[in-house]
Amino acid sequence: MGLPRLGTSTPPAPPPTVVVAPPAPPPVPIVPVKVSNPGSLCLTGRLSHPYLVPGTSDVFATLEVTAVDVPGAQRAPVNLAVVIDRSGSMSGAKIENARRAAQRLVELLGDEDRISVVHYGTDVSALGGLFATAENKLKLKRYIANISDEGGTNIGDGLAVGQKHIERAKSDFRVNRLLLLSDGQPTVGITSAQGLINVVRRIRDAGISVTSLGVGSDFNEDLMQRLADVGGGSYGFISNASAMASLFQRDLEQAGTMVARGASLNFTLPEGVRFVEVYGRPVSQMGNTVSITLPDFSARQVEKLVVHFTASPSVRSGSVDIAGFQLAYTDLLTQNAADARLSLAAMVTEDSTLAMGKRDKGAVVVATKARAAVNYQKAAEALDRGDFGGAKRAVQQNDAIFFEADQVAGEGSMADERATNSTIYGLSNAAPTAAPEQRREAVKQMKTESLRSSGRGASLY
């Protein structure tokens, strides 16, 4: 049993073929470049595709800028101007809540804090430059209580008067902040977006950061967001005017714990790498050099960035540079210029299976959220022009990229982003029967969620 039959023979089996796979290219380390002037911000980053195949490939750099913690530190004194819209559209609950919020802000200030209260309609009025002593707090509260709604919306002159009052004591403070509140579009004075952006740029160049808060459904969210971007402060959409006080308080705390100002991230493109976009951030490009404007940073603040490149390696194996990043800023803890640097590179391999298998799970998830943010923005723009079907289609396009991310990072890796996507789809689905004001608020909410998904941190309220 088990032997060959008589009269037959069985040839011996050939030896098994042994296939030796070529060794995988070693991973490319993420190289922190030596910092010449270290300070209160740290820069880290990863590539979504640390292995590339010959040809042209998409690759996403996911970056984090993290501010140092300052345990036990007290809030620094602030030199603050609150610039409040009191135009006719602020009548009723809006102006009442604005008065209460400003009075609450005054209560939170200490004797070493300095505040100016500016309010604008067609013209501008102000009570400026008072330290928040007990006696001055009573004076400020009485002044705020008498603010009444009237006139147009003169944002430009309101900003200029706020800056003037801050400038009078700017050199005595480490933190100088202008907080702008508006519920409408500029109708008096400087009414062009570029004109107001230029005003805010000059304010920031003078060492004063600008936060912009839009309340209600009628303000120009794109303009207010841009003013905050240029001003280095925060942007917030206040759908419920009663929430103003908490955002005023939040901005005070953030301003009082600032550790870095005037931050920008720059990189130069190496040969074979093309810059596509930075998601949700203001960016400028001159030749092969790209610059990204960042907000001022408070302690423990984290801001994420996703940069989309295409890479066309000139080699079939070995290492290729993707980008070298330099973060430059003023360190407010030392009052010195500081920087942080990071170099990201990828390995080139002809093994496409290896390249796909080596994708960075965390970087893919962060990059996918930023890609989804693009469709939220498209949906908001479609909704704004009354294209309800287009808004829903834009949101539905995210299903495919969420599925791709799950294949890399695992089932459930995009659960939180799917919830955001569902919320925005619901807003789009409800829009055809919603009142015009509700539609406008939905557009603002969708744009805010787009910014959040693209990596905005504490600079988004």
Protein backbone atom coordinates (compact mmCIF):
# COMPACT_ATOMS: atom_id res chain seq x y z
CA MET A 1 0.00 0.00 0.00
CA GLY A 2 1.34 3.33 -0.98
CA LEU A 3 3.91 1.79 -3.34
CA PRO A 4 3.83 2.16 -7.13
CA ARG A 5 2.06 -0.55 -9.10
CA LEU A 6 4.17 -3.24 -10.65
CA GLY A 7 5.25 -2.46 -14.14
CA THR A 8 4.99 1.32 -13.61
CA SER A 9 7.46 3.86 -12.43
CA THR A 10 6.98 7.31 -10.89
CA PRO A 11 9.60 9.90 -11.73
CA PRO A 12 10.96 11.76 -8.76
CA ALA A 13 9.27 15.09 -8.11
CA PRO A 14 11.30 18.14 -9.13
CA PRO A 15 12.66 20.24 -6.30
CA PRO A 16 10.38 23.18 -5.35
CA THR A 17 11.15 26.48 -6.99
CA VAL A 18 12.28 29.07 -4.50
CA VAL A 19 11.44 32.67 -5.46
CA VAL A 20 13.60 35.22 -3.73
CA ALA A 21 11.91 38.63 -3.54
CA PRO A 22 14.16 41.61 -4.01
CA PRO A 23 14.79 43.41 -0.74
CA ALA A 24 12.43 46.31 -0.08
CA PRO A 25 13.99 49.73 -0.18
CA PRO A 26 14.69 50.95 3.33
CA PRO A 27 12.24 53.56 4.67
CA VAL A 28 13.22 57.17 4.37
CA PRO A 29 13.50 58.79 7.77
CA ILE A 30 11.71 62.05 8.47
CA VAL A 31 14.58 64.42 8.97
CA PRO A 32 14.22 67.32 11.37
CA VAL A 33 16.68 69.88 10.10
CA LYS A 34 18.82 71.61 12.69
CA VAL A 35 17.04 74.73 13.89
CA SER A 36 19.10 77.88 14.03
CA ASN A 37 16.68 79.74 16.31
CA PRO A 38 14.49 77.28 18.27
CA GLY A 39 11.44 78.70 19.99
CA SER A 40 7.93 77.99 21.21
CA LEU A 41 6.60 76.20 18.09
CA CYS A 42 7.33 72.66 16.92
CA LEU A 43 6.91 71.44 13.33
CA THR A 44 6.30 67.76 12.51
CA GLY A 45 5.08 66.03 9.37
CA ARG A 46 4.55 62.82 7.39
CA LEU A 47 3.93 61.78 3.81
CA SER A 48 0.81 59.88 2.77
CA HIS A 49 2.95 57.92 0.27
CA PRO A 50 6.48 57.41 1.64
CA TYR A 51 7.13 54.97 -1.27
CA LEU A 52 6.54 56.08 -4.88
CA VAL A 53 6.65 54.22 -8.18
CA PRO A 54 8.31 55.70 -11.29
CA GLY A 55 5.99 58.04 -13.15
CA THR A 56 3.79 60.78 -11.71
CA SER A 57 2.09 60.24 -8.35
CA ASP A 58 -0.06 62.27 -5.97
CA VAL A 59 1.46 62.66 -2.52
CA PHE A 60 0.15 64.58 0.48
CA ALA A 61 2.31 66.12 3.21
CA THR A 62 0.42 66.27 6.51
CA LEU A 63 1.99 68.77 8.89
CA GLU A 64 1.37 69.81 12.49
CA VAL A 65 2.47 73.03 14.13
CA THR A 66 2.25 72.71 17.91
CA ALA A 67 2.76 75.48 20.45
CA VAL A 68 4.58 74.82 23.68
CA ASP A 69 2.70 74.43 26.95
CA VAL A 70 3.46 76.94 29.69
CA PRO A 71 2.45 75.15 32.93
CA GLY A 72 1.38 77.46 35.71
CA ALA A 73 1.73 80.58 33.61
CA GLN A 74 -0.81 83.32 34.16
CA ARG A 75 -2.59 85.06 31.32
CA ALA A 76 -0.49 87.95 30.08
CA PRO A 77 -1.99 91.46 30.23
CA VAL A 78 -3.68 92.41 26.97
CA ASN A 79 -4.10 95.66 25.10
CA LEU A 80 -7.50 95.08 23.54
CA ALA A 81 -9.90 96.91 21.25
CA VAL A 82 -13.43 95.54 20.81
CA VAL A 83 -14.93 96.91 17.57
CA ILE A 84 -18.70 96.37 17.53
CA ASP A 85 -21.09 96.74 14.61
CA ARG A 86 -24.11 98.81 15.71
CA SER A 87 -25.64 99.32 12.26
CA GLY A 88 -29.41 99.22 11.85
CA SER A 89 -29.41 95.50 11.11
CA MET A 90 -28.12 94.84 14.65
CA SER A 91 -31.43 95.97 16.17
CA GLY A 92 -33.21 93.88 18.77
CA ALA A 93 -31.60 90.79 20.25
CA LYS A 94 -28.32 91.20 18.34
CA ILE A 95 -27.35 94.57 19.80
CA GLU A 96 -28.60 93.54 23.24
CA ASN A 97 -26.44 90.41 23.18
CA ALA A 98 -23.48 92.41 21.88
CA ARG A 99 -23.81 94.82 24.81
CA ARG A 100 -24.02 91.95 27.30
CA ALA A 101 -21.02 90.20 25.73
CA ALA A 102 -18.90 93.35 25.85
CA GLN A 103 -19.87 93.99 29.48
CA ARG A 104 -19.00 90.39 30.35
CA LEU A 105 -15.62 90.84 28.67
CA VAL A 106 -14.97 93.94 30.78
CA GLU A 107 -15.75 91.93 33.92
CA LEU A 108 -13.13 89.33 32.97
CA LEU A 109 -10.32 91.86 32.61
CA GLY A 110 -7.80 92.62 35.35
CA ASP A 111 -6.27 95.88 36.49
CA GLU A 112 -3.27 95.42 34.15
CA ASP A 113 -5.42 94.89 31.06
CA ARG A 114 -6.21 97.85 28.82
CA ILE A 115 -9.37 98.05 26.72
CA SER A 116 -10.93 100.32 24.14
CA VAL A 117 -14.59 99.96 23.14
CA VAL A 118 -15.31 101.05 19.56
CA HIS A 119 -18.72 100.93 17.91
CA TYR A 120 -19.57 101.80 14.34
CA GLY A 121 -22.59 102.41 12.16
CA THR A 122 -22.24 105.06 9.50
CA ASP A 123 -19.89 106.91 11.87
CA VAL A 124 -17.58 105.63 14.62
CA SER A 125 -17.51 106.33 18.36
CA ALA A 126 -15.12 105.05 21.00
CA LEU A 127 -14.16 105.05 24.64
CA GLY A 128 -10.50 104.21 24.48
CA GLY A 129 -7.47 103.25 26.42
CA LEU A 130 -8.75 102.52 29.92
CA PHE A 131 -7.08 100.10 32.29
CA ALA A 132 -9.69 97.74 33.70
CA THR A 133 -9.67 98.98 37.27
CA ALA A 134 -12.85 98.70 39.33
CA GLU A 135 -13.65 102.38 38.75
CA ASN A 136 -13.01 102.20 35.00
CA LYS A 137 -15.07 99.01 34.68
CA LEU A 138 -18.14 100.93 35.87
CA LYS A 139 -17.41 103.67 33.34
CA LEU A 140 -16.97 101.12 30.54
CA LYS A 141 -20.16 99.27 31.37
CA ARG A 142 -22.19 102.48 31.41
CA TYR A 143 -20.71 103.42 28.04
CA ILE A 144 -21.51 100.00 26.56
CA ALA A 145 -25.09 100.11 27.88
CA ASN A 146 -25.73 103.24 25.82
CA ILE A 147 -24.67 101.73 22.47
CA SER A 148 -27.71 101.74 20.19
CA ASP A 149 -28.24 100.51 16.66
CA GLU A 150 -28.28 103.00 13.78
CA GLY A 151 -26.79 103.71 10.36
CA GLY A 152 -24.79 101.69 7.84
CA THR A 153 -21.82 99.34 8.22
CA ASN A 154 -18.51 101.22 8.26
CA ILE A 155 -16.10 98.38 9.01
CA GLY A 156 -13.03 100.18 7.63
CA ASP A 157 -13.28 103.22 9.91
CA GLY A 158 -14.14 100.97 12.86
CA LEU A 159 -10.92 99.01 12.29
CA ALA A 160 -8.87 102.20 11.90
CA VAL A 161 -10.17 103.72 15.15
CA GLY A 162 -9.58 100.43 16.99
CA GLN A 163 -5.99 100.36 15.75
CA LYS A 164 -5.43 103.98 16.77
CA HIS A 165 -6.47 103.30 20.35
CA ILE A 166 -4.29 100.17 20.57
CA GLU A 167 -1.28 101.98 19.09
CA ARG A 168 -1.23 104.50 21.94
CA ALA A 169 0.04 101.83 24.35
CA LYS A 170 1.21 99.05 22.02
CA SER A 171 4.85 99.16 23.07
CA ASP A 172 3.87 98.53 26.72
CA PHE A 173 2.22 95.18 25.96
CA ARG A 174 3.35 91.84 24.64
CA VAL A 175 -0.18 91.11 23.37
CA ASN A 176 -2.15 93.58 21.26
CA ARG A 177 -5.49 92.35 19.89
CA LEU A 178 -8.40 93.78 17.91
CA LEU A 179 -11.71 91.91 18.05
CA LEU A 180 -14.11 92.76 15.22
CA LEU A 181 -17.83 91.96 15.34
CA SER A 182 -20.17 92.42 12.38
CA ASP A 183 -23.55 91.14 11.22
CA GLY A 184 -23.52 92.60 7.73
CA GLN A 185 -21.62 93.62 4.66
CA PRO A 186 -19.67 96.91 4.44
CA THR A 187 -21.90 99.67 3.08
CA VAL A 188 -20.07 102.84 4.15
CA GLY A 189 -16.46 103.97 3.69
CA ILE A 190 -14.23 101.20 2.36
CA THR A 191 -16.63 98.67 0.87
CA SER A 192 -14.35 96.52 -1.31
CA ALA A 193 -13.01 93.26 0.10
CA GLN A 194 -9.46 94.04 -1.04
CA GLY A 195 -9.58 97.48 0.57
CA LEU A 196 -10.54 96.02 3.95
CA ILE A 197 -7.96 93.24 3.59
CA ASN A 198 -5.31 95.89 3.03
CA VAL A 199 -6.44 97.72 6.19
CA VAL A 200 -6.12 94.53 8.25
CA ARG A 201 -2.76 93.68 6.68
CA ARG A 202 -1.40 97.05 7.85
CA ILE A 203 -2.80 96.42 11.32
CA ARG A 204 -1.04 93.07 11.57
CA ASP A 205 2.19 94.52 10.17
CA ALA A 206 2.02 96.94 13.10
CA GLY A 207 2.08 93.98 15.54
CA ILE A 208 -1.67 93.81 16.25
CA SER A 209 -3.64 90.61 15.60
CA VAL A 210 -7.24 90.73 14.37
CA THR A 211 -10.05 88.30 15.22
CA SER A 212 -13.29 88.53 13.23
CA LEU A 213 -16.65 87.25 14.45
CA GLY A 214 -19.69 87.20 12.16
CA VAL A 215 -23.13 87.04 13.71
CA GLY A 216 -26.39 86.03 12.02
CA SER A 217 -26.95 85.18 8.37
CA ASP A 218 -26.18 88.39 6.46
CA PHE A 219 -22.45 88.97 6.94
CA ASN A 220 -19.93 88.16 4.23
CA GLU A 221 -18.30 85.00 5.63
CA ASP A 222 -15.61 84.85 2.95
CA LEU A 223 -14.52 88.41 3.76
CA MET A 224 -14.63 87.94 7.55
CA GLN A 225 -12.63 84.71 7.29
CA ARG A 226 -10.08 86.41 5.07
CA LEU A 227 -9.73 89.31 7.52
CA ALA A 228 -8.92 86.82 10.29
CA ASP A 229 -6.44 84.98 8.05
CA VAL A 230 -4.61 88.18 7.15
CA GLY A 231 -4.91 89.49 10.71
CA GLY A 232 -3.42 86.38 12.32
CA GLY A 233 -6.36 85.97 14.69
CA SER A 234 -9.38 83.68 14.78
CA TYR A 235 -12.58 83.47 12.76
CA GLY A 236 -15.97 82.56 14.17
CA PHE A 237 -19.51 82.21 12.86
CA ILE A 238 -22.10 82.98 15.56
CA SER A 239 -25.49 81.62 14.50
CA ASN A 240 -26.99 82.36 17.92
CA ALA A 241 -26.19 85.89 19.07
CA SER A 242 -26.49 84.83 22.71
CA ALA A 243 -23.24 82.85 22.26
CA MET A 244 -21.23 86.07 21.77
CA ALA A 245 -20.11 86.31 25.38
CA SER A 246 -18.46 82.88 25.40
CA LEU A 247 -16.57 83.65 22.18
CA PHE A 248 -15.43 87.02 23.53
CA GLN A 249 -14.13 85.19 26.60
CA ARG A 250 -12.44 82.51 24.50
CA ASP A 251 -10.65 85.10 22.40
CA LEU A 252 -9.45 86.92 25.52
CA GLU A 253 -7.97 83.72 26.92
CA GLN A 254 -6.36 82.85 23.62
CA ALA A 255 -4.88 86.32 23.21
CA GLY A 256 -3.61 86.36 26.78
CA THR A 257 -1.70 83.08 26.38
CA MET A 258 -0.09 83.84 23.01
CA VAL A 259 3.42 82.44 22.55
CA ALA A 260 4.09 83.14 18.84
CA ARG A 261 3.13 85.83 16.36
CA GLY A 262 3.57 86.39 12.64
CA ALA A 263 3.95 82.70 11.75
CA SER A 264 4.45 81.62 8.15
CA LEU A 265 5.43 78.30 6.60
CA ASN A 266 7.59 78.33 3.47
CA PHE A 267 8.96 75.66 1.14
CA THR A 268 10.78 75.52 -2.18
CA LEU A 269 9.85 72.85 -4.72
CA PRO A 270 12.68 70.51 -5.77
CA GLU A 271 13.01 69.25 -9.34
CA GLY A 272 10.28 66.78 -10.28
CA VAL A 273 7.80 68.00 -7.62
CA ARG A 274 4.80 70.20 -8.45
CA PHE A 275 2.70 72.06 -5.88
CA VAL A 276 -1.06 71.54 -6.29
CA GLU A 277 -2.71 73.18 -3.27
CA VAL A 278 -2.84 73.74 0.48
CA TYR A 279 -6.27 72.95 1.87
CA GLY A 280 -8.16 75.73 3.67
CA ARG A 281 -5.22 78.13 4.14
CA PRO A 282 -4.18 81.37 2.45
CA VAL A 283 -1.18 80.70 0.23
CA SER A 284 1.02 82.57 -2.22
CA GLN A 285 3.52 81.23 -4.77
CA MET A 286 6.41 82.95 -6.53
CA GLY A 287 8.21 80.60 -8.87
CA ASN A 288 9.15 77.47 -6.95
CA THR A 289 8.68 79.05 -3.52
CA VAL A 290 5.37 78.67 -1.68
CA SER A 291 4.36 80.60 1.44
CA ILE A 292 1.47 79.74 3.77
CA THR A 293 0.10 82.28 6.26
CA LEU A 294 -0.60 80.89 9.74
CA PRO A 295 -2.41 82.39 12.72
CA ASP A 296 -0.77 83.63 15.87
CA PHE A 297 -0.39 80.78 18.39
CA SER A 298 -1.50 80.51 22.00
CA ALA A 299 -0.05 77.94 24.41
CA ARG A 300 -0.85 74.30 23.44
CA GLN A 301 -2.49 75.36 20.17
CA VAL A 302 -2.24 72.83 17.33
CA GLU A 303 -2.83 73.66 13.67
CA LYS A 304 -2.78 70.98 10.96
CA LEU A 305 -1.93 71.55 7.31
CA VAL A 306 -2.28 69.30 4.29
CA VAL A 307 -0.19 70.10 1.21
CA HIS A 308 -0.94 68.30 -2.06
CA PHE A 309 1.98 67.63 -4.42
CA THR A 310 2.53 65.60 -7.55
CA ALA A 311 5.94 63.92 -7.75
CA SER A 312 7.64 62.67 -10.92
CA PRO A 313 10.88 61.02 -9.79
CA SER A 314 13.76 61.14 -12.26
CA VAL A 315 15.14 57.86 -10.85
CA ARG A 316 13.73 54.33 -10.68
CA SER A 317 15.08 53.62 -7.22
CA GLY A 318 16.54 55.50 -4.31
CA SER A 319 15.47 58.55 -2.33
CA VAL A 320 13.82 61.70 -3.70
CA ASP A 321 13.14 64.95 -1.87
CA ILE A 322 9.51 66.09 -1.71
CA ALA A 323 9.85 69.35 0.22
CA GLY A 324 11.86 71.11 2.89
CA PHE A 325 9.66 73.23 5.16
CA GLN A 326 10.69 76.26 7.20
CA LEU A 327 8.43 77.74 9.87
CA ALA A 328 9.34 81.33 10.78
CA TYR A 329 7.74 83.41 13.54
CA THR A 330 8.32 85.81 16.42
CA ASP A 331 8.60 84.03 19.76
CA LEU A 332 6.66 86.10 22.28
CA LEU A 333 8.24 84.32 25.25
CA THR A 334 11.68 85.61 24.28
CA GLN A 335 10.70 88.44 21.88
CA ASN A 336 13.15 86.96 19.36
CA ALA A 337 12.83 85.65 15.82
CA ALA A 338 12.56 81.85 15.77
CA ASP A 339 12.17 79.02 13.28
CA ALA A 340 11.59 75.30 12.89
CA ARG A 341 12.47 73.13 9.90
CA LEU A 342 11.52 69.77 8.47
CA SER A 343 12.60 67.79 5.40
CA LEU A 344 10.33 65.13 3.84
CA ALA A 345 11.54 62.60 1.26
CA ALA A 346 10.21 59.40 -0.32
CA MET A 347 11.71 56.16 -1.65
CA VAL A 348 11.25 55.16 -5.28
CA THR A 349 10.47 51.51 -6.02
CA GLU A 350 9.22 49.61 -9.08
CA ASP A 351 7.17 47.35 -6.80
CA SER A 352 3.71 48.96 -6.90
CA THR A 353 2.36 46.46 -4.37
CA LEU A 354 5.04 47.51 -1.91
CA ALA A 355 4.31 51.19 -2.52
CA MET A 356 0.59 50.73 -1.91
CA GLY A 357 1.19 48.64 1.18
CA LYS A 358 3.51 51.23 2.71
CA ARG A 359 1.03 54.11 2.63
CA ASP A 360 0.97 55.98 5.95
CA LYS A 361 -2.40 55.30 7.60
CA GLY A 362 -2.49 58.41 9.78
CA ALA A 363 -1.40 60.72 6.98
CA VAL A 364 -3.97 59.21 4.60
CA VAL A 365 -6.78 59.84 7.11
CA VAL A 366 -5.75 63.48 7.67
CA ALA A 367 -5.35 64.05 3.93
CA THR A 368 -8.75 62.46 3.20
CA LYS A 369 -10.46 64.82 5.64
CA ALA A 370 -8.86 67.76 3.85
CA ARG A 371 -9.98 66.40 0.48
CA ALA A 372 -13.52 66.03 1.84
CA ALA A 373 -13.37 69.68 2.93
CA VAL A 374 -13.08 70.70 -0.72
CA ASN A 375 -16.44 69.11 -1.44
CA TYR A 376 -18.02 70.80 1.60
CA GLN A 377 -16.89 74.12 0.16
CA LYS A 378 -18.25 73.20 -3.27
CA ALA A 379 -21.57 72.19 -1.69
CA ALA A 380 -21.79 75.51 0.17
CA GLU A 381 -21.13 77.46 -3.02
CA ALA A 382 -23.73 75.43 -4.92
CA LEU A 383 -26.28 75.99 -2.15
CA ASP A 384 -25.54 79.71 -2.15
CA ARG A 385 -26.46 79.99 -5.84
CA GLY A 386 -29.56 77.80 -5.46
CA ASP A 387 -28.14 74.64 -7.05
CA PHE A 388 -29.57 72.21 -4.50
CA GLY A 389 -28.86 69.11 -6.55
CA GLY A 390 -25.26 70.21 -7.11
CA ALA A 391 -24.80 70.68 -3.36
CA LYS A 392 -25.93 67.12 -2.64
CA ARG A 393 -23.80 65.69 -5.43
CA ALA A 394 -20.71 67.43 -4.07
CA VAL A 395 -21.23 65.87 -0.65
CA GLN A 396 -21.92 62.43 -2.13
CA GLN A 397 -18.55 62.51 -3.90
CA ASN A 398 -16.91 62.03 -0.51
CA ASP A 399 -18.24 58.47 -0.24
CA ALA A 400 -15.61 57.28 -2.72
CA ILE A 401 -12.64 58.90 -0.99
CA PHE A 402 -13.85 57.68 2.42
CA PHE A 403 -13.93 54.15 1.02
CA GLU A 404 -10.35 54.57 -0.29
CA ALA A 405 -9.18 55.70 3.16
CA ASP A 406 -10.87 52.73 4.84
CA GLN A 407 -8.93 50.38 2.53
CA VAL A 408 -5.69 51.88 3.85
CA ALA A 409 -6.44 52.74 7.49
CA GLY A 410 -9.13 50.19 8.31
CA GLU A 411 -12.89 50.12 8.70
CA GLY A 412 -14.16 53.01 10.80
CA SER A 413 -11.10 55.20 10.26
CA MET A 414 -13.31 57.92 8.75
CA ALA A 415 -16.26 57.55 11.16
CA ASP A 416 -16.10 61.11 12.52
CA GLU A 417 -15.73 62.60 9.04
CA ARG A 418 -18.63 60.52 7.78
CA ALA A 419 -20.74 62.07 10.56
CA THR A 420 -19.73 65.56 9.39
CA ASN A 421 -20.50 64.57 5.81
CA SER A 422 -23.94 63.36 6.88
CA THR A 423 -24.65 66.66 8.64
CA ILE A 424 -23.72 68.67 5.58
CA TYR A 425 -25.79 66.42 3.34
CA GLY A 426 -28.73 67.00 5.67
CA LEU A 427 -28.31 70.78 5.35
CA SER A 428 -28.21 70.44 1.56
CA ASN A 429 -31.26 68.17 1.52
CA ALA A 430 -33.31 70.55 3.70
CA ALA A 431 -32.32 73.70 1.80
CA PRO A 432 -35.04 73.70 -0.93
CA THR A 433 -37.83 74.15 1.63
CA ALA A 434 -35.85 76.26 4.14
CA ALA A 435 -36.35 80.00 4.62
CA PRO A 436 -33.74 82.24 2.91
CA GLU A 437 -32.17 83.15 6.26
CA GLN A 438 -31.84 79.47 7.21
CA ARG A 439 -30.25 78.77 3.83
CA ARG A 440 -27.67 81.52 4.33
CA GLU A 441 -26.84 80.18 7.79
CA ALA A 442 -26.48 76.67 6.33
CA VAL A 443 -23.96 78.00 3.80
CA LYS A 444 -21.92 79.58 6.61
CA GLN A 445 -22.04 76.40 8.70
CA MET A 446 -20.90 74.29 5.73
CA LYS A 447 -17.97 76.60 5.04
CA THR A 448 -16.98 76.51 8.72
CA GLU A 449 -17.01 72.69 8.68
CA SER A 450 -14.88 72.80 5.55
CA LEU A 451 -12.27 74.85 7.39
CA ARG A 452 -12.39 72.51 10.38
CA SER A 453 -11.90 69.40 8.25
CA SER A 454 -8.97 71.00 6.45
CA GLY A 455 -7.08 71.19 9.77
CA ARG A 456 -7.98 74.46 11.45
CA GLY A 457 -7.50 74.25 15.21
CA ALA A 458 -8.04 76.89 17.88
CA SER A 459 -8.03 79.60 15.22
CA LEU A 460 -11.56 78.52 14.24
CA TYR A 461 -14.39 79.24 16.70
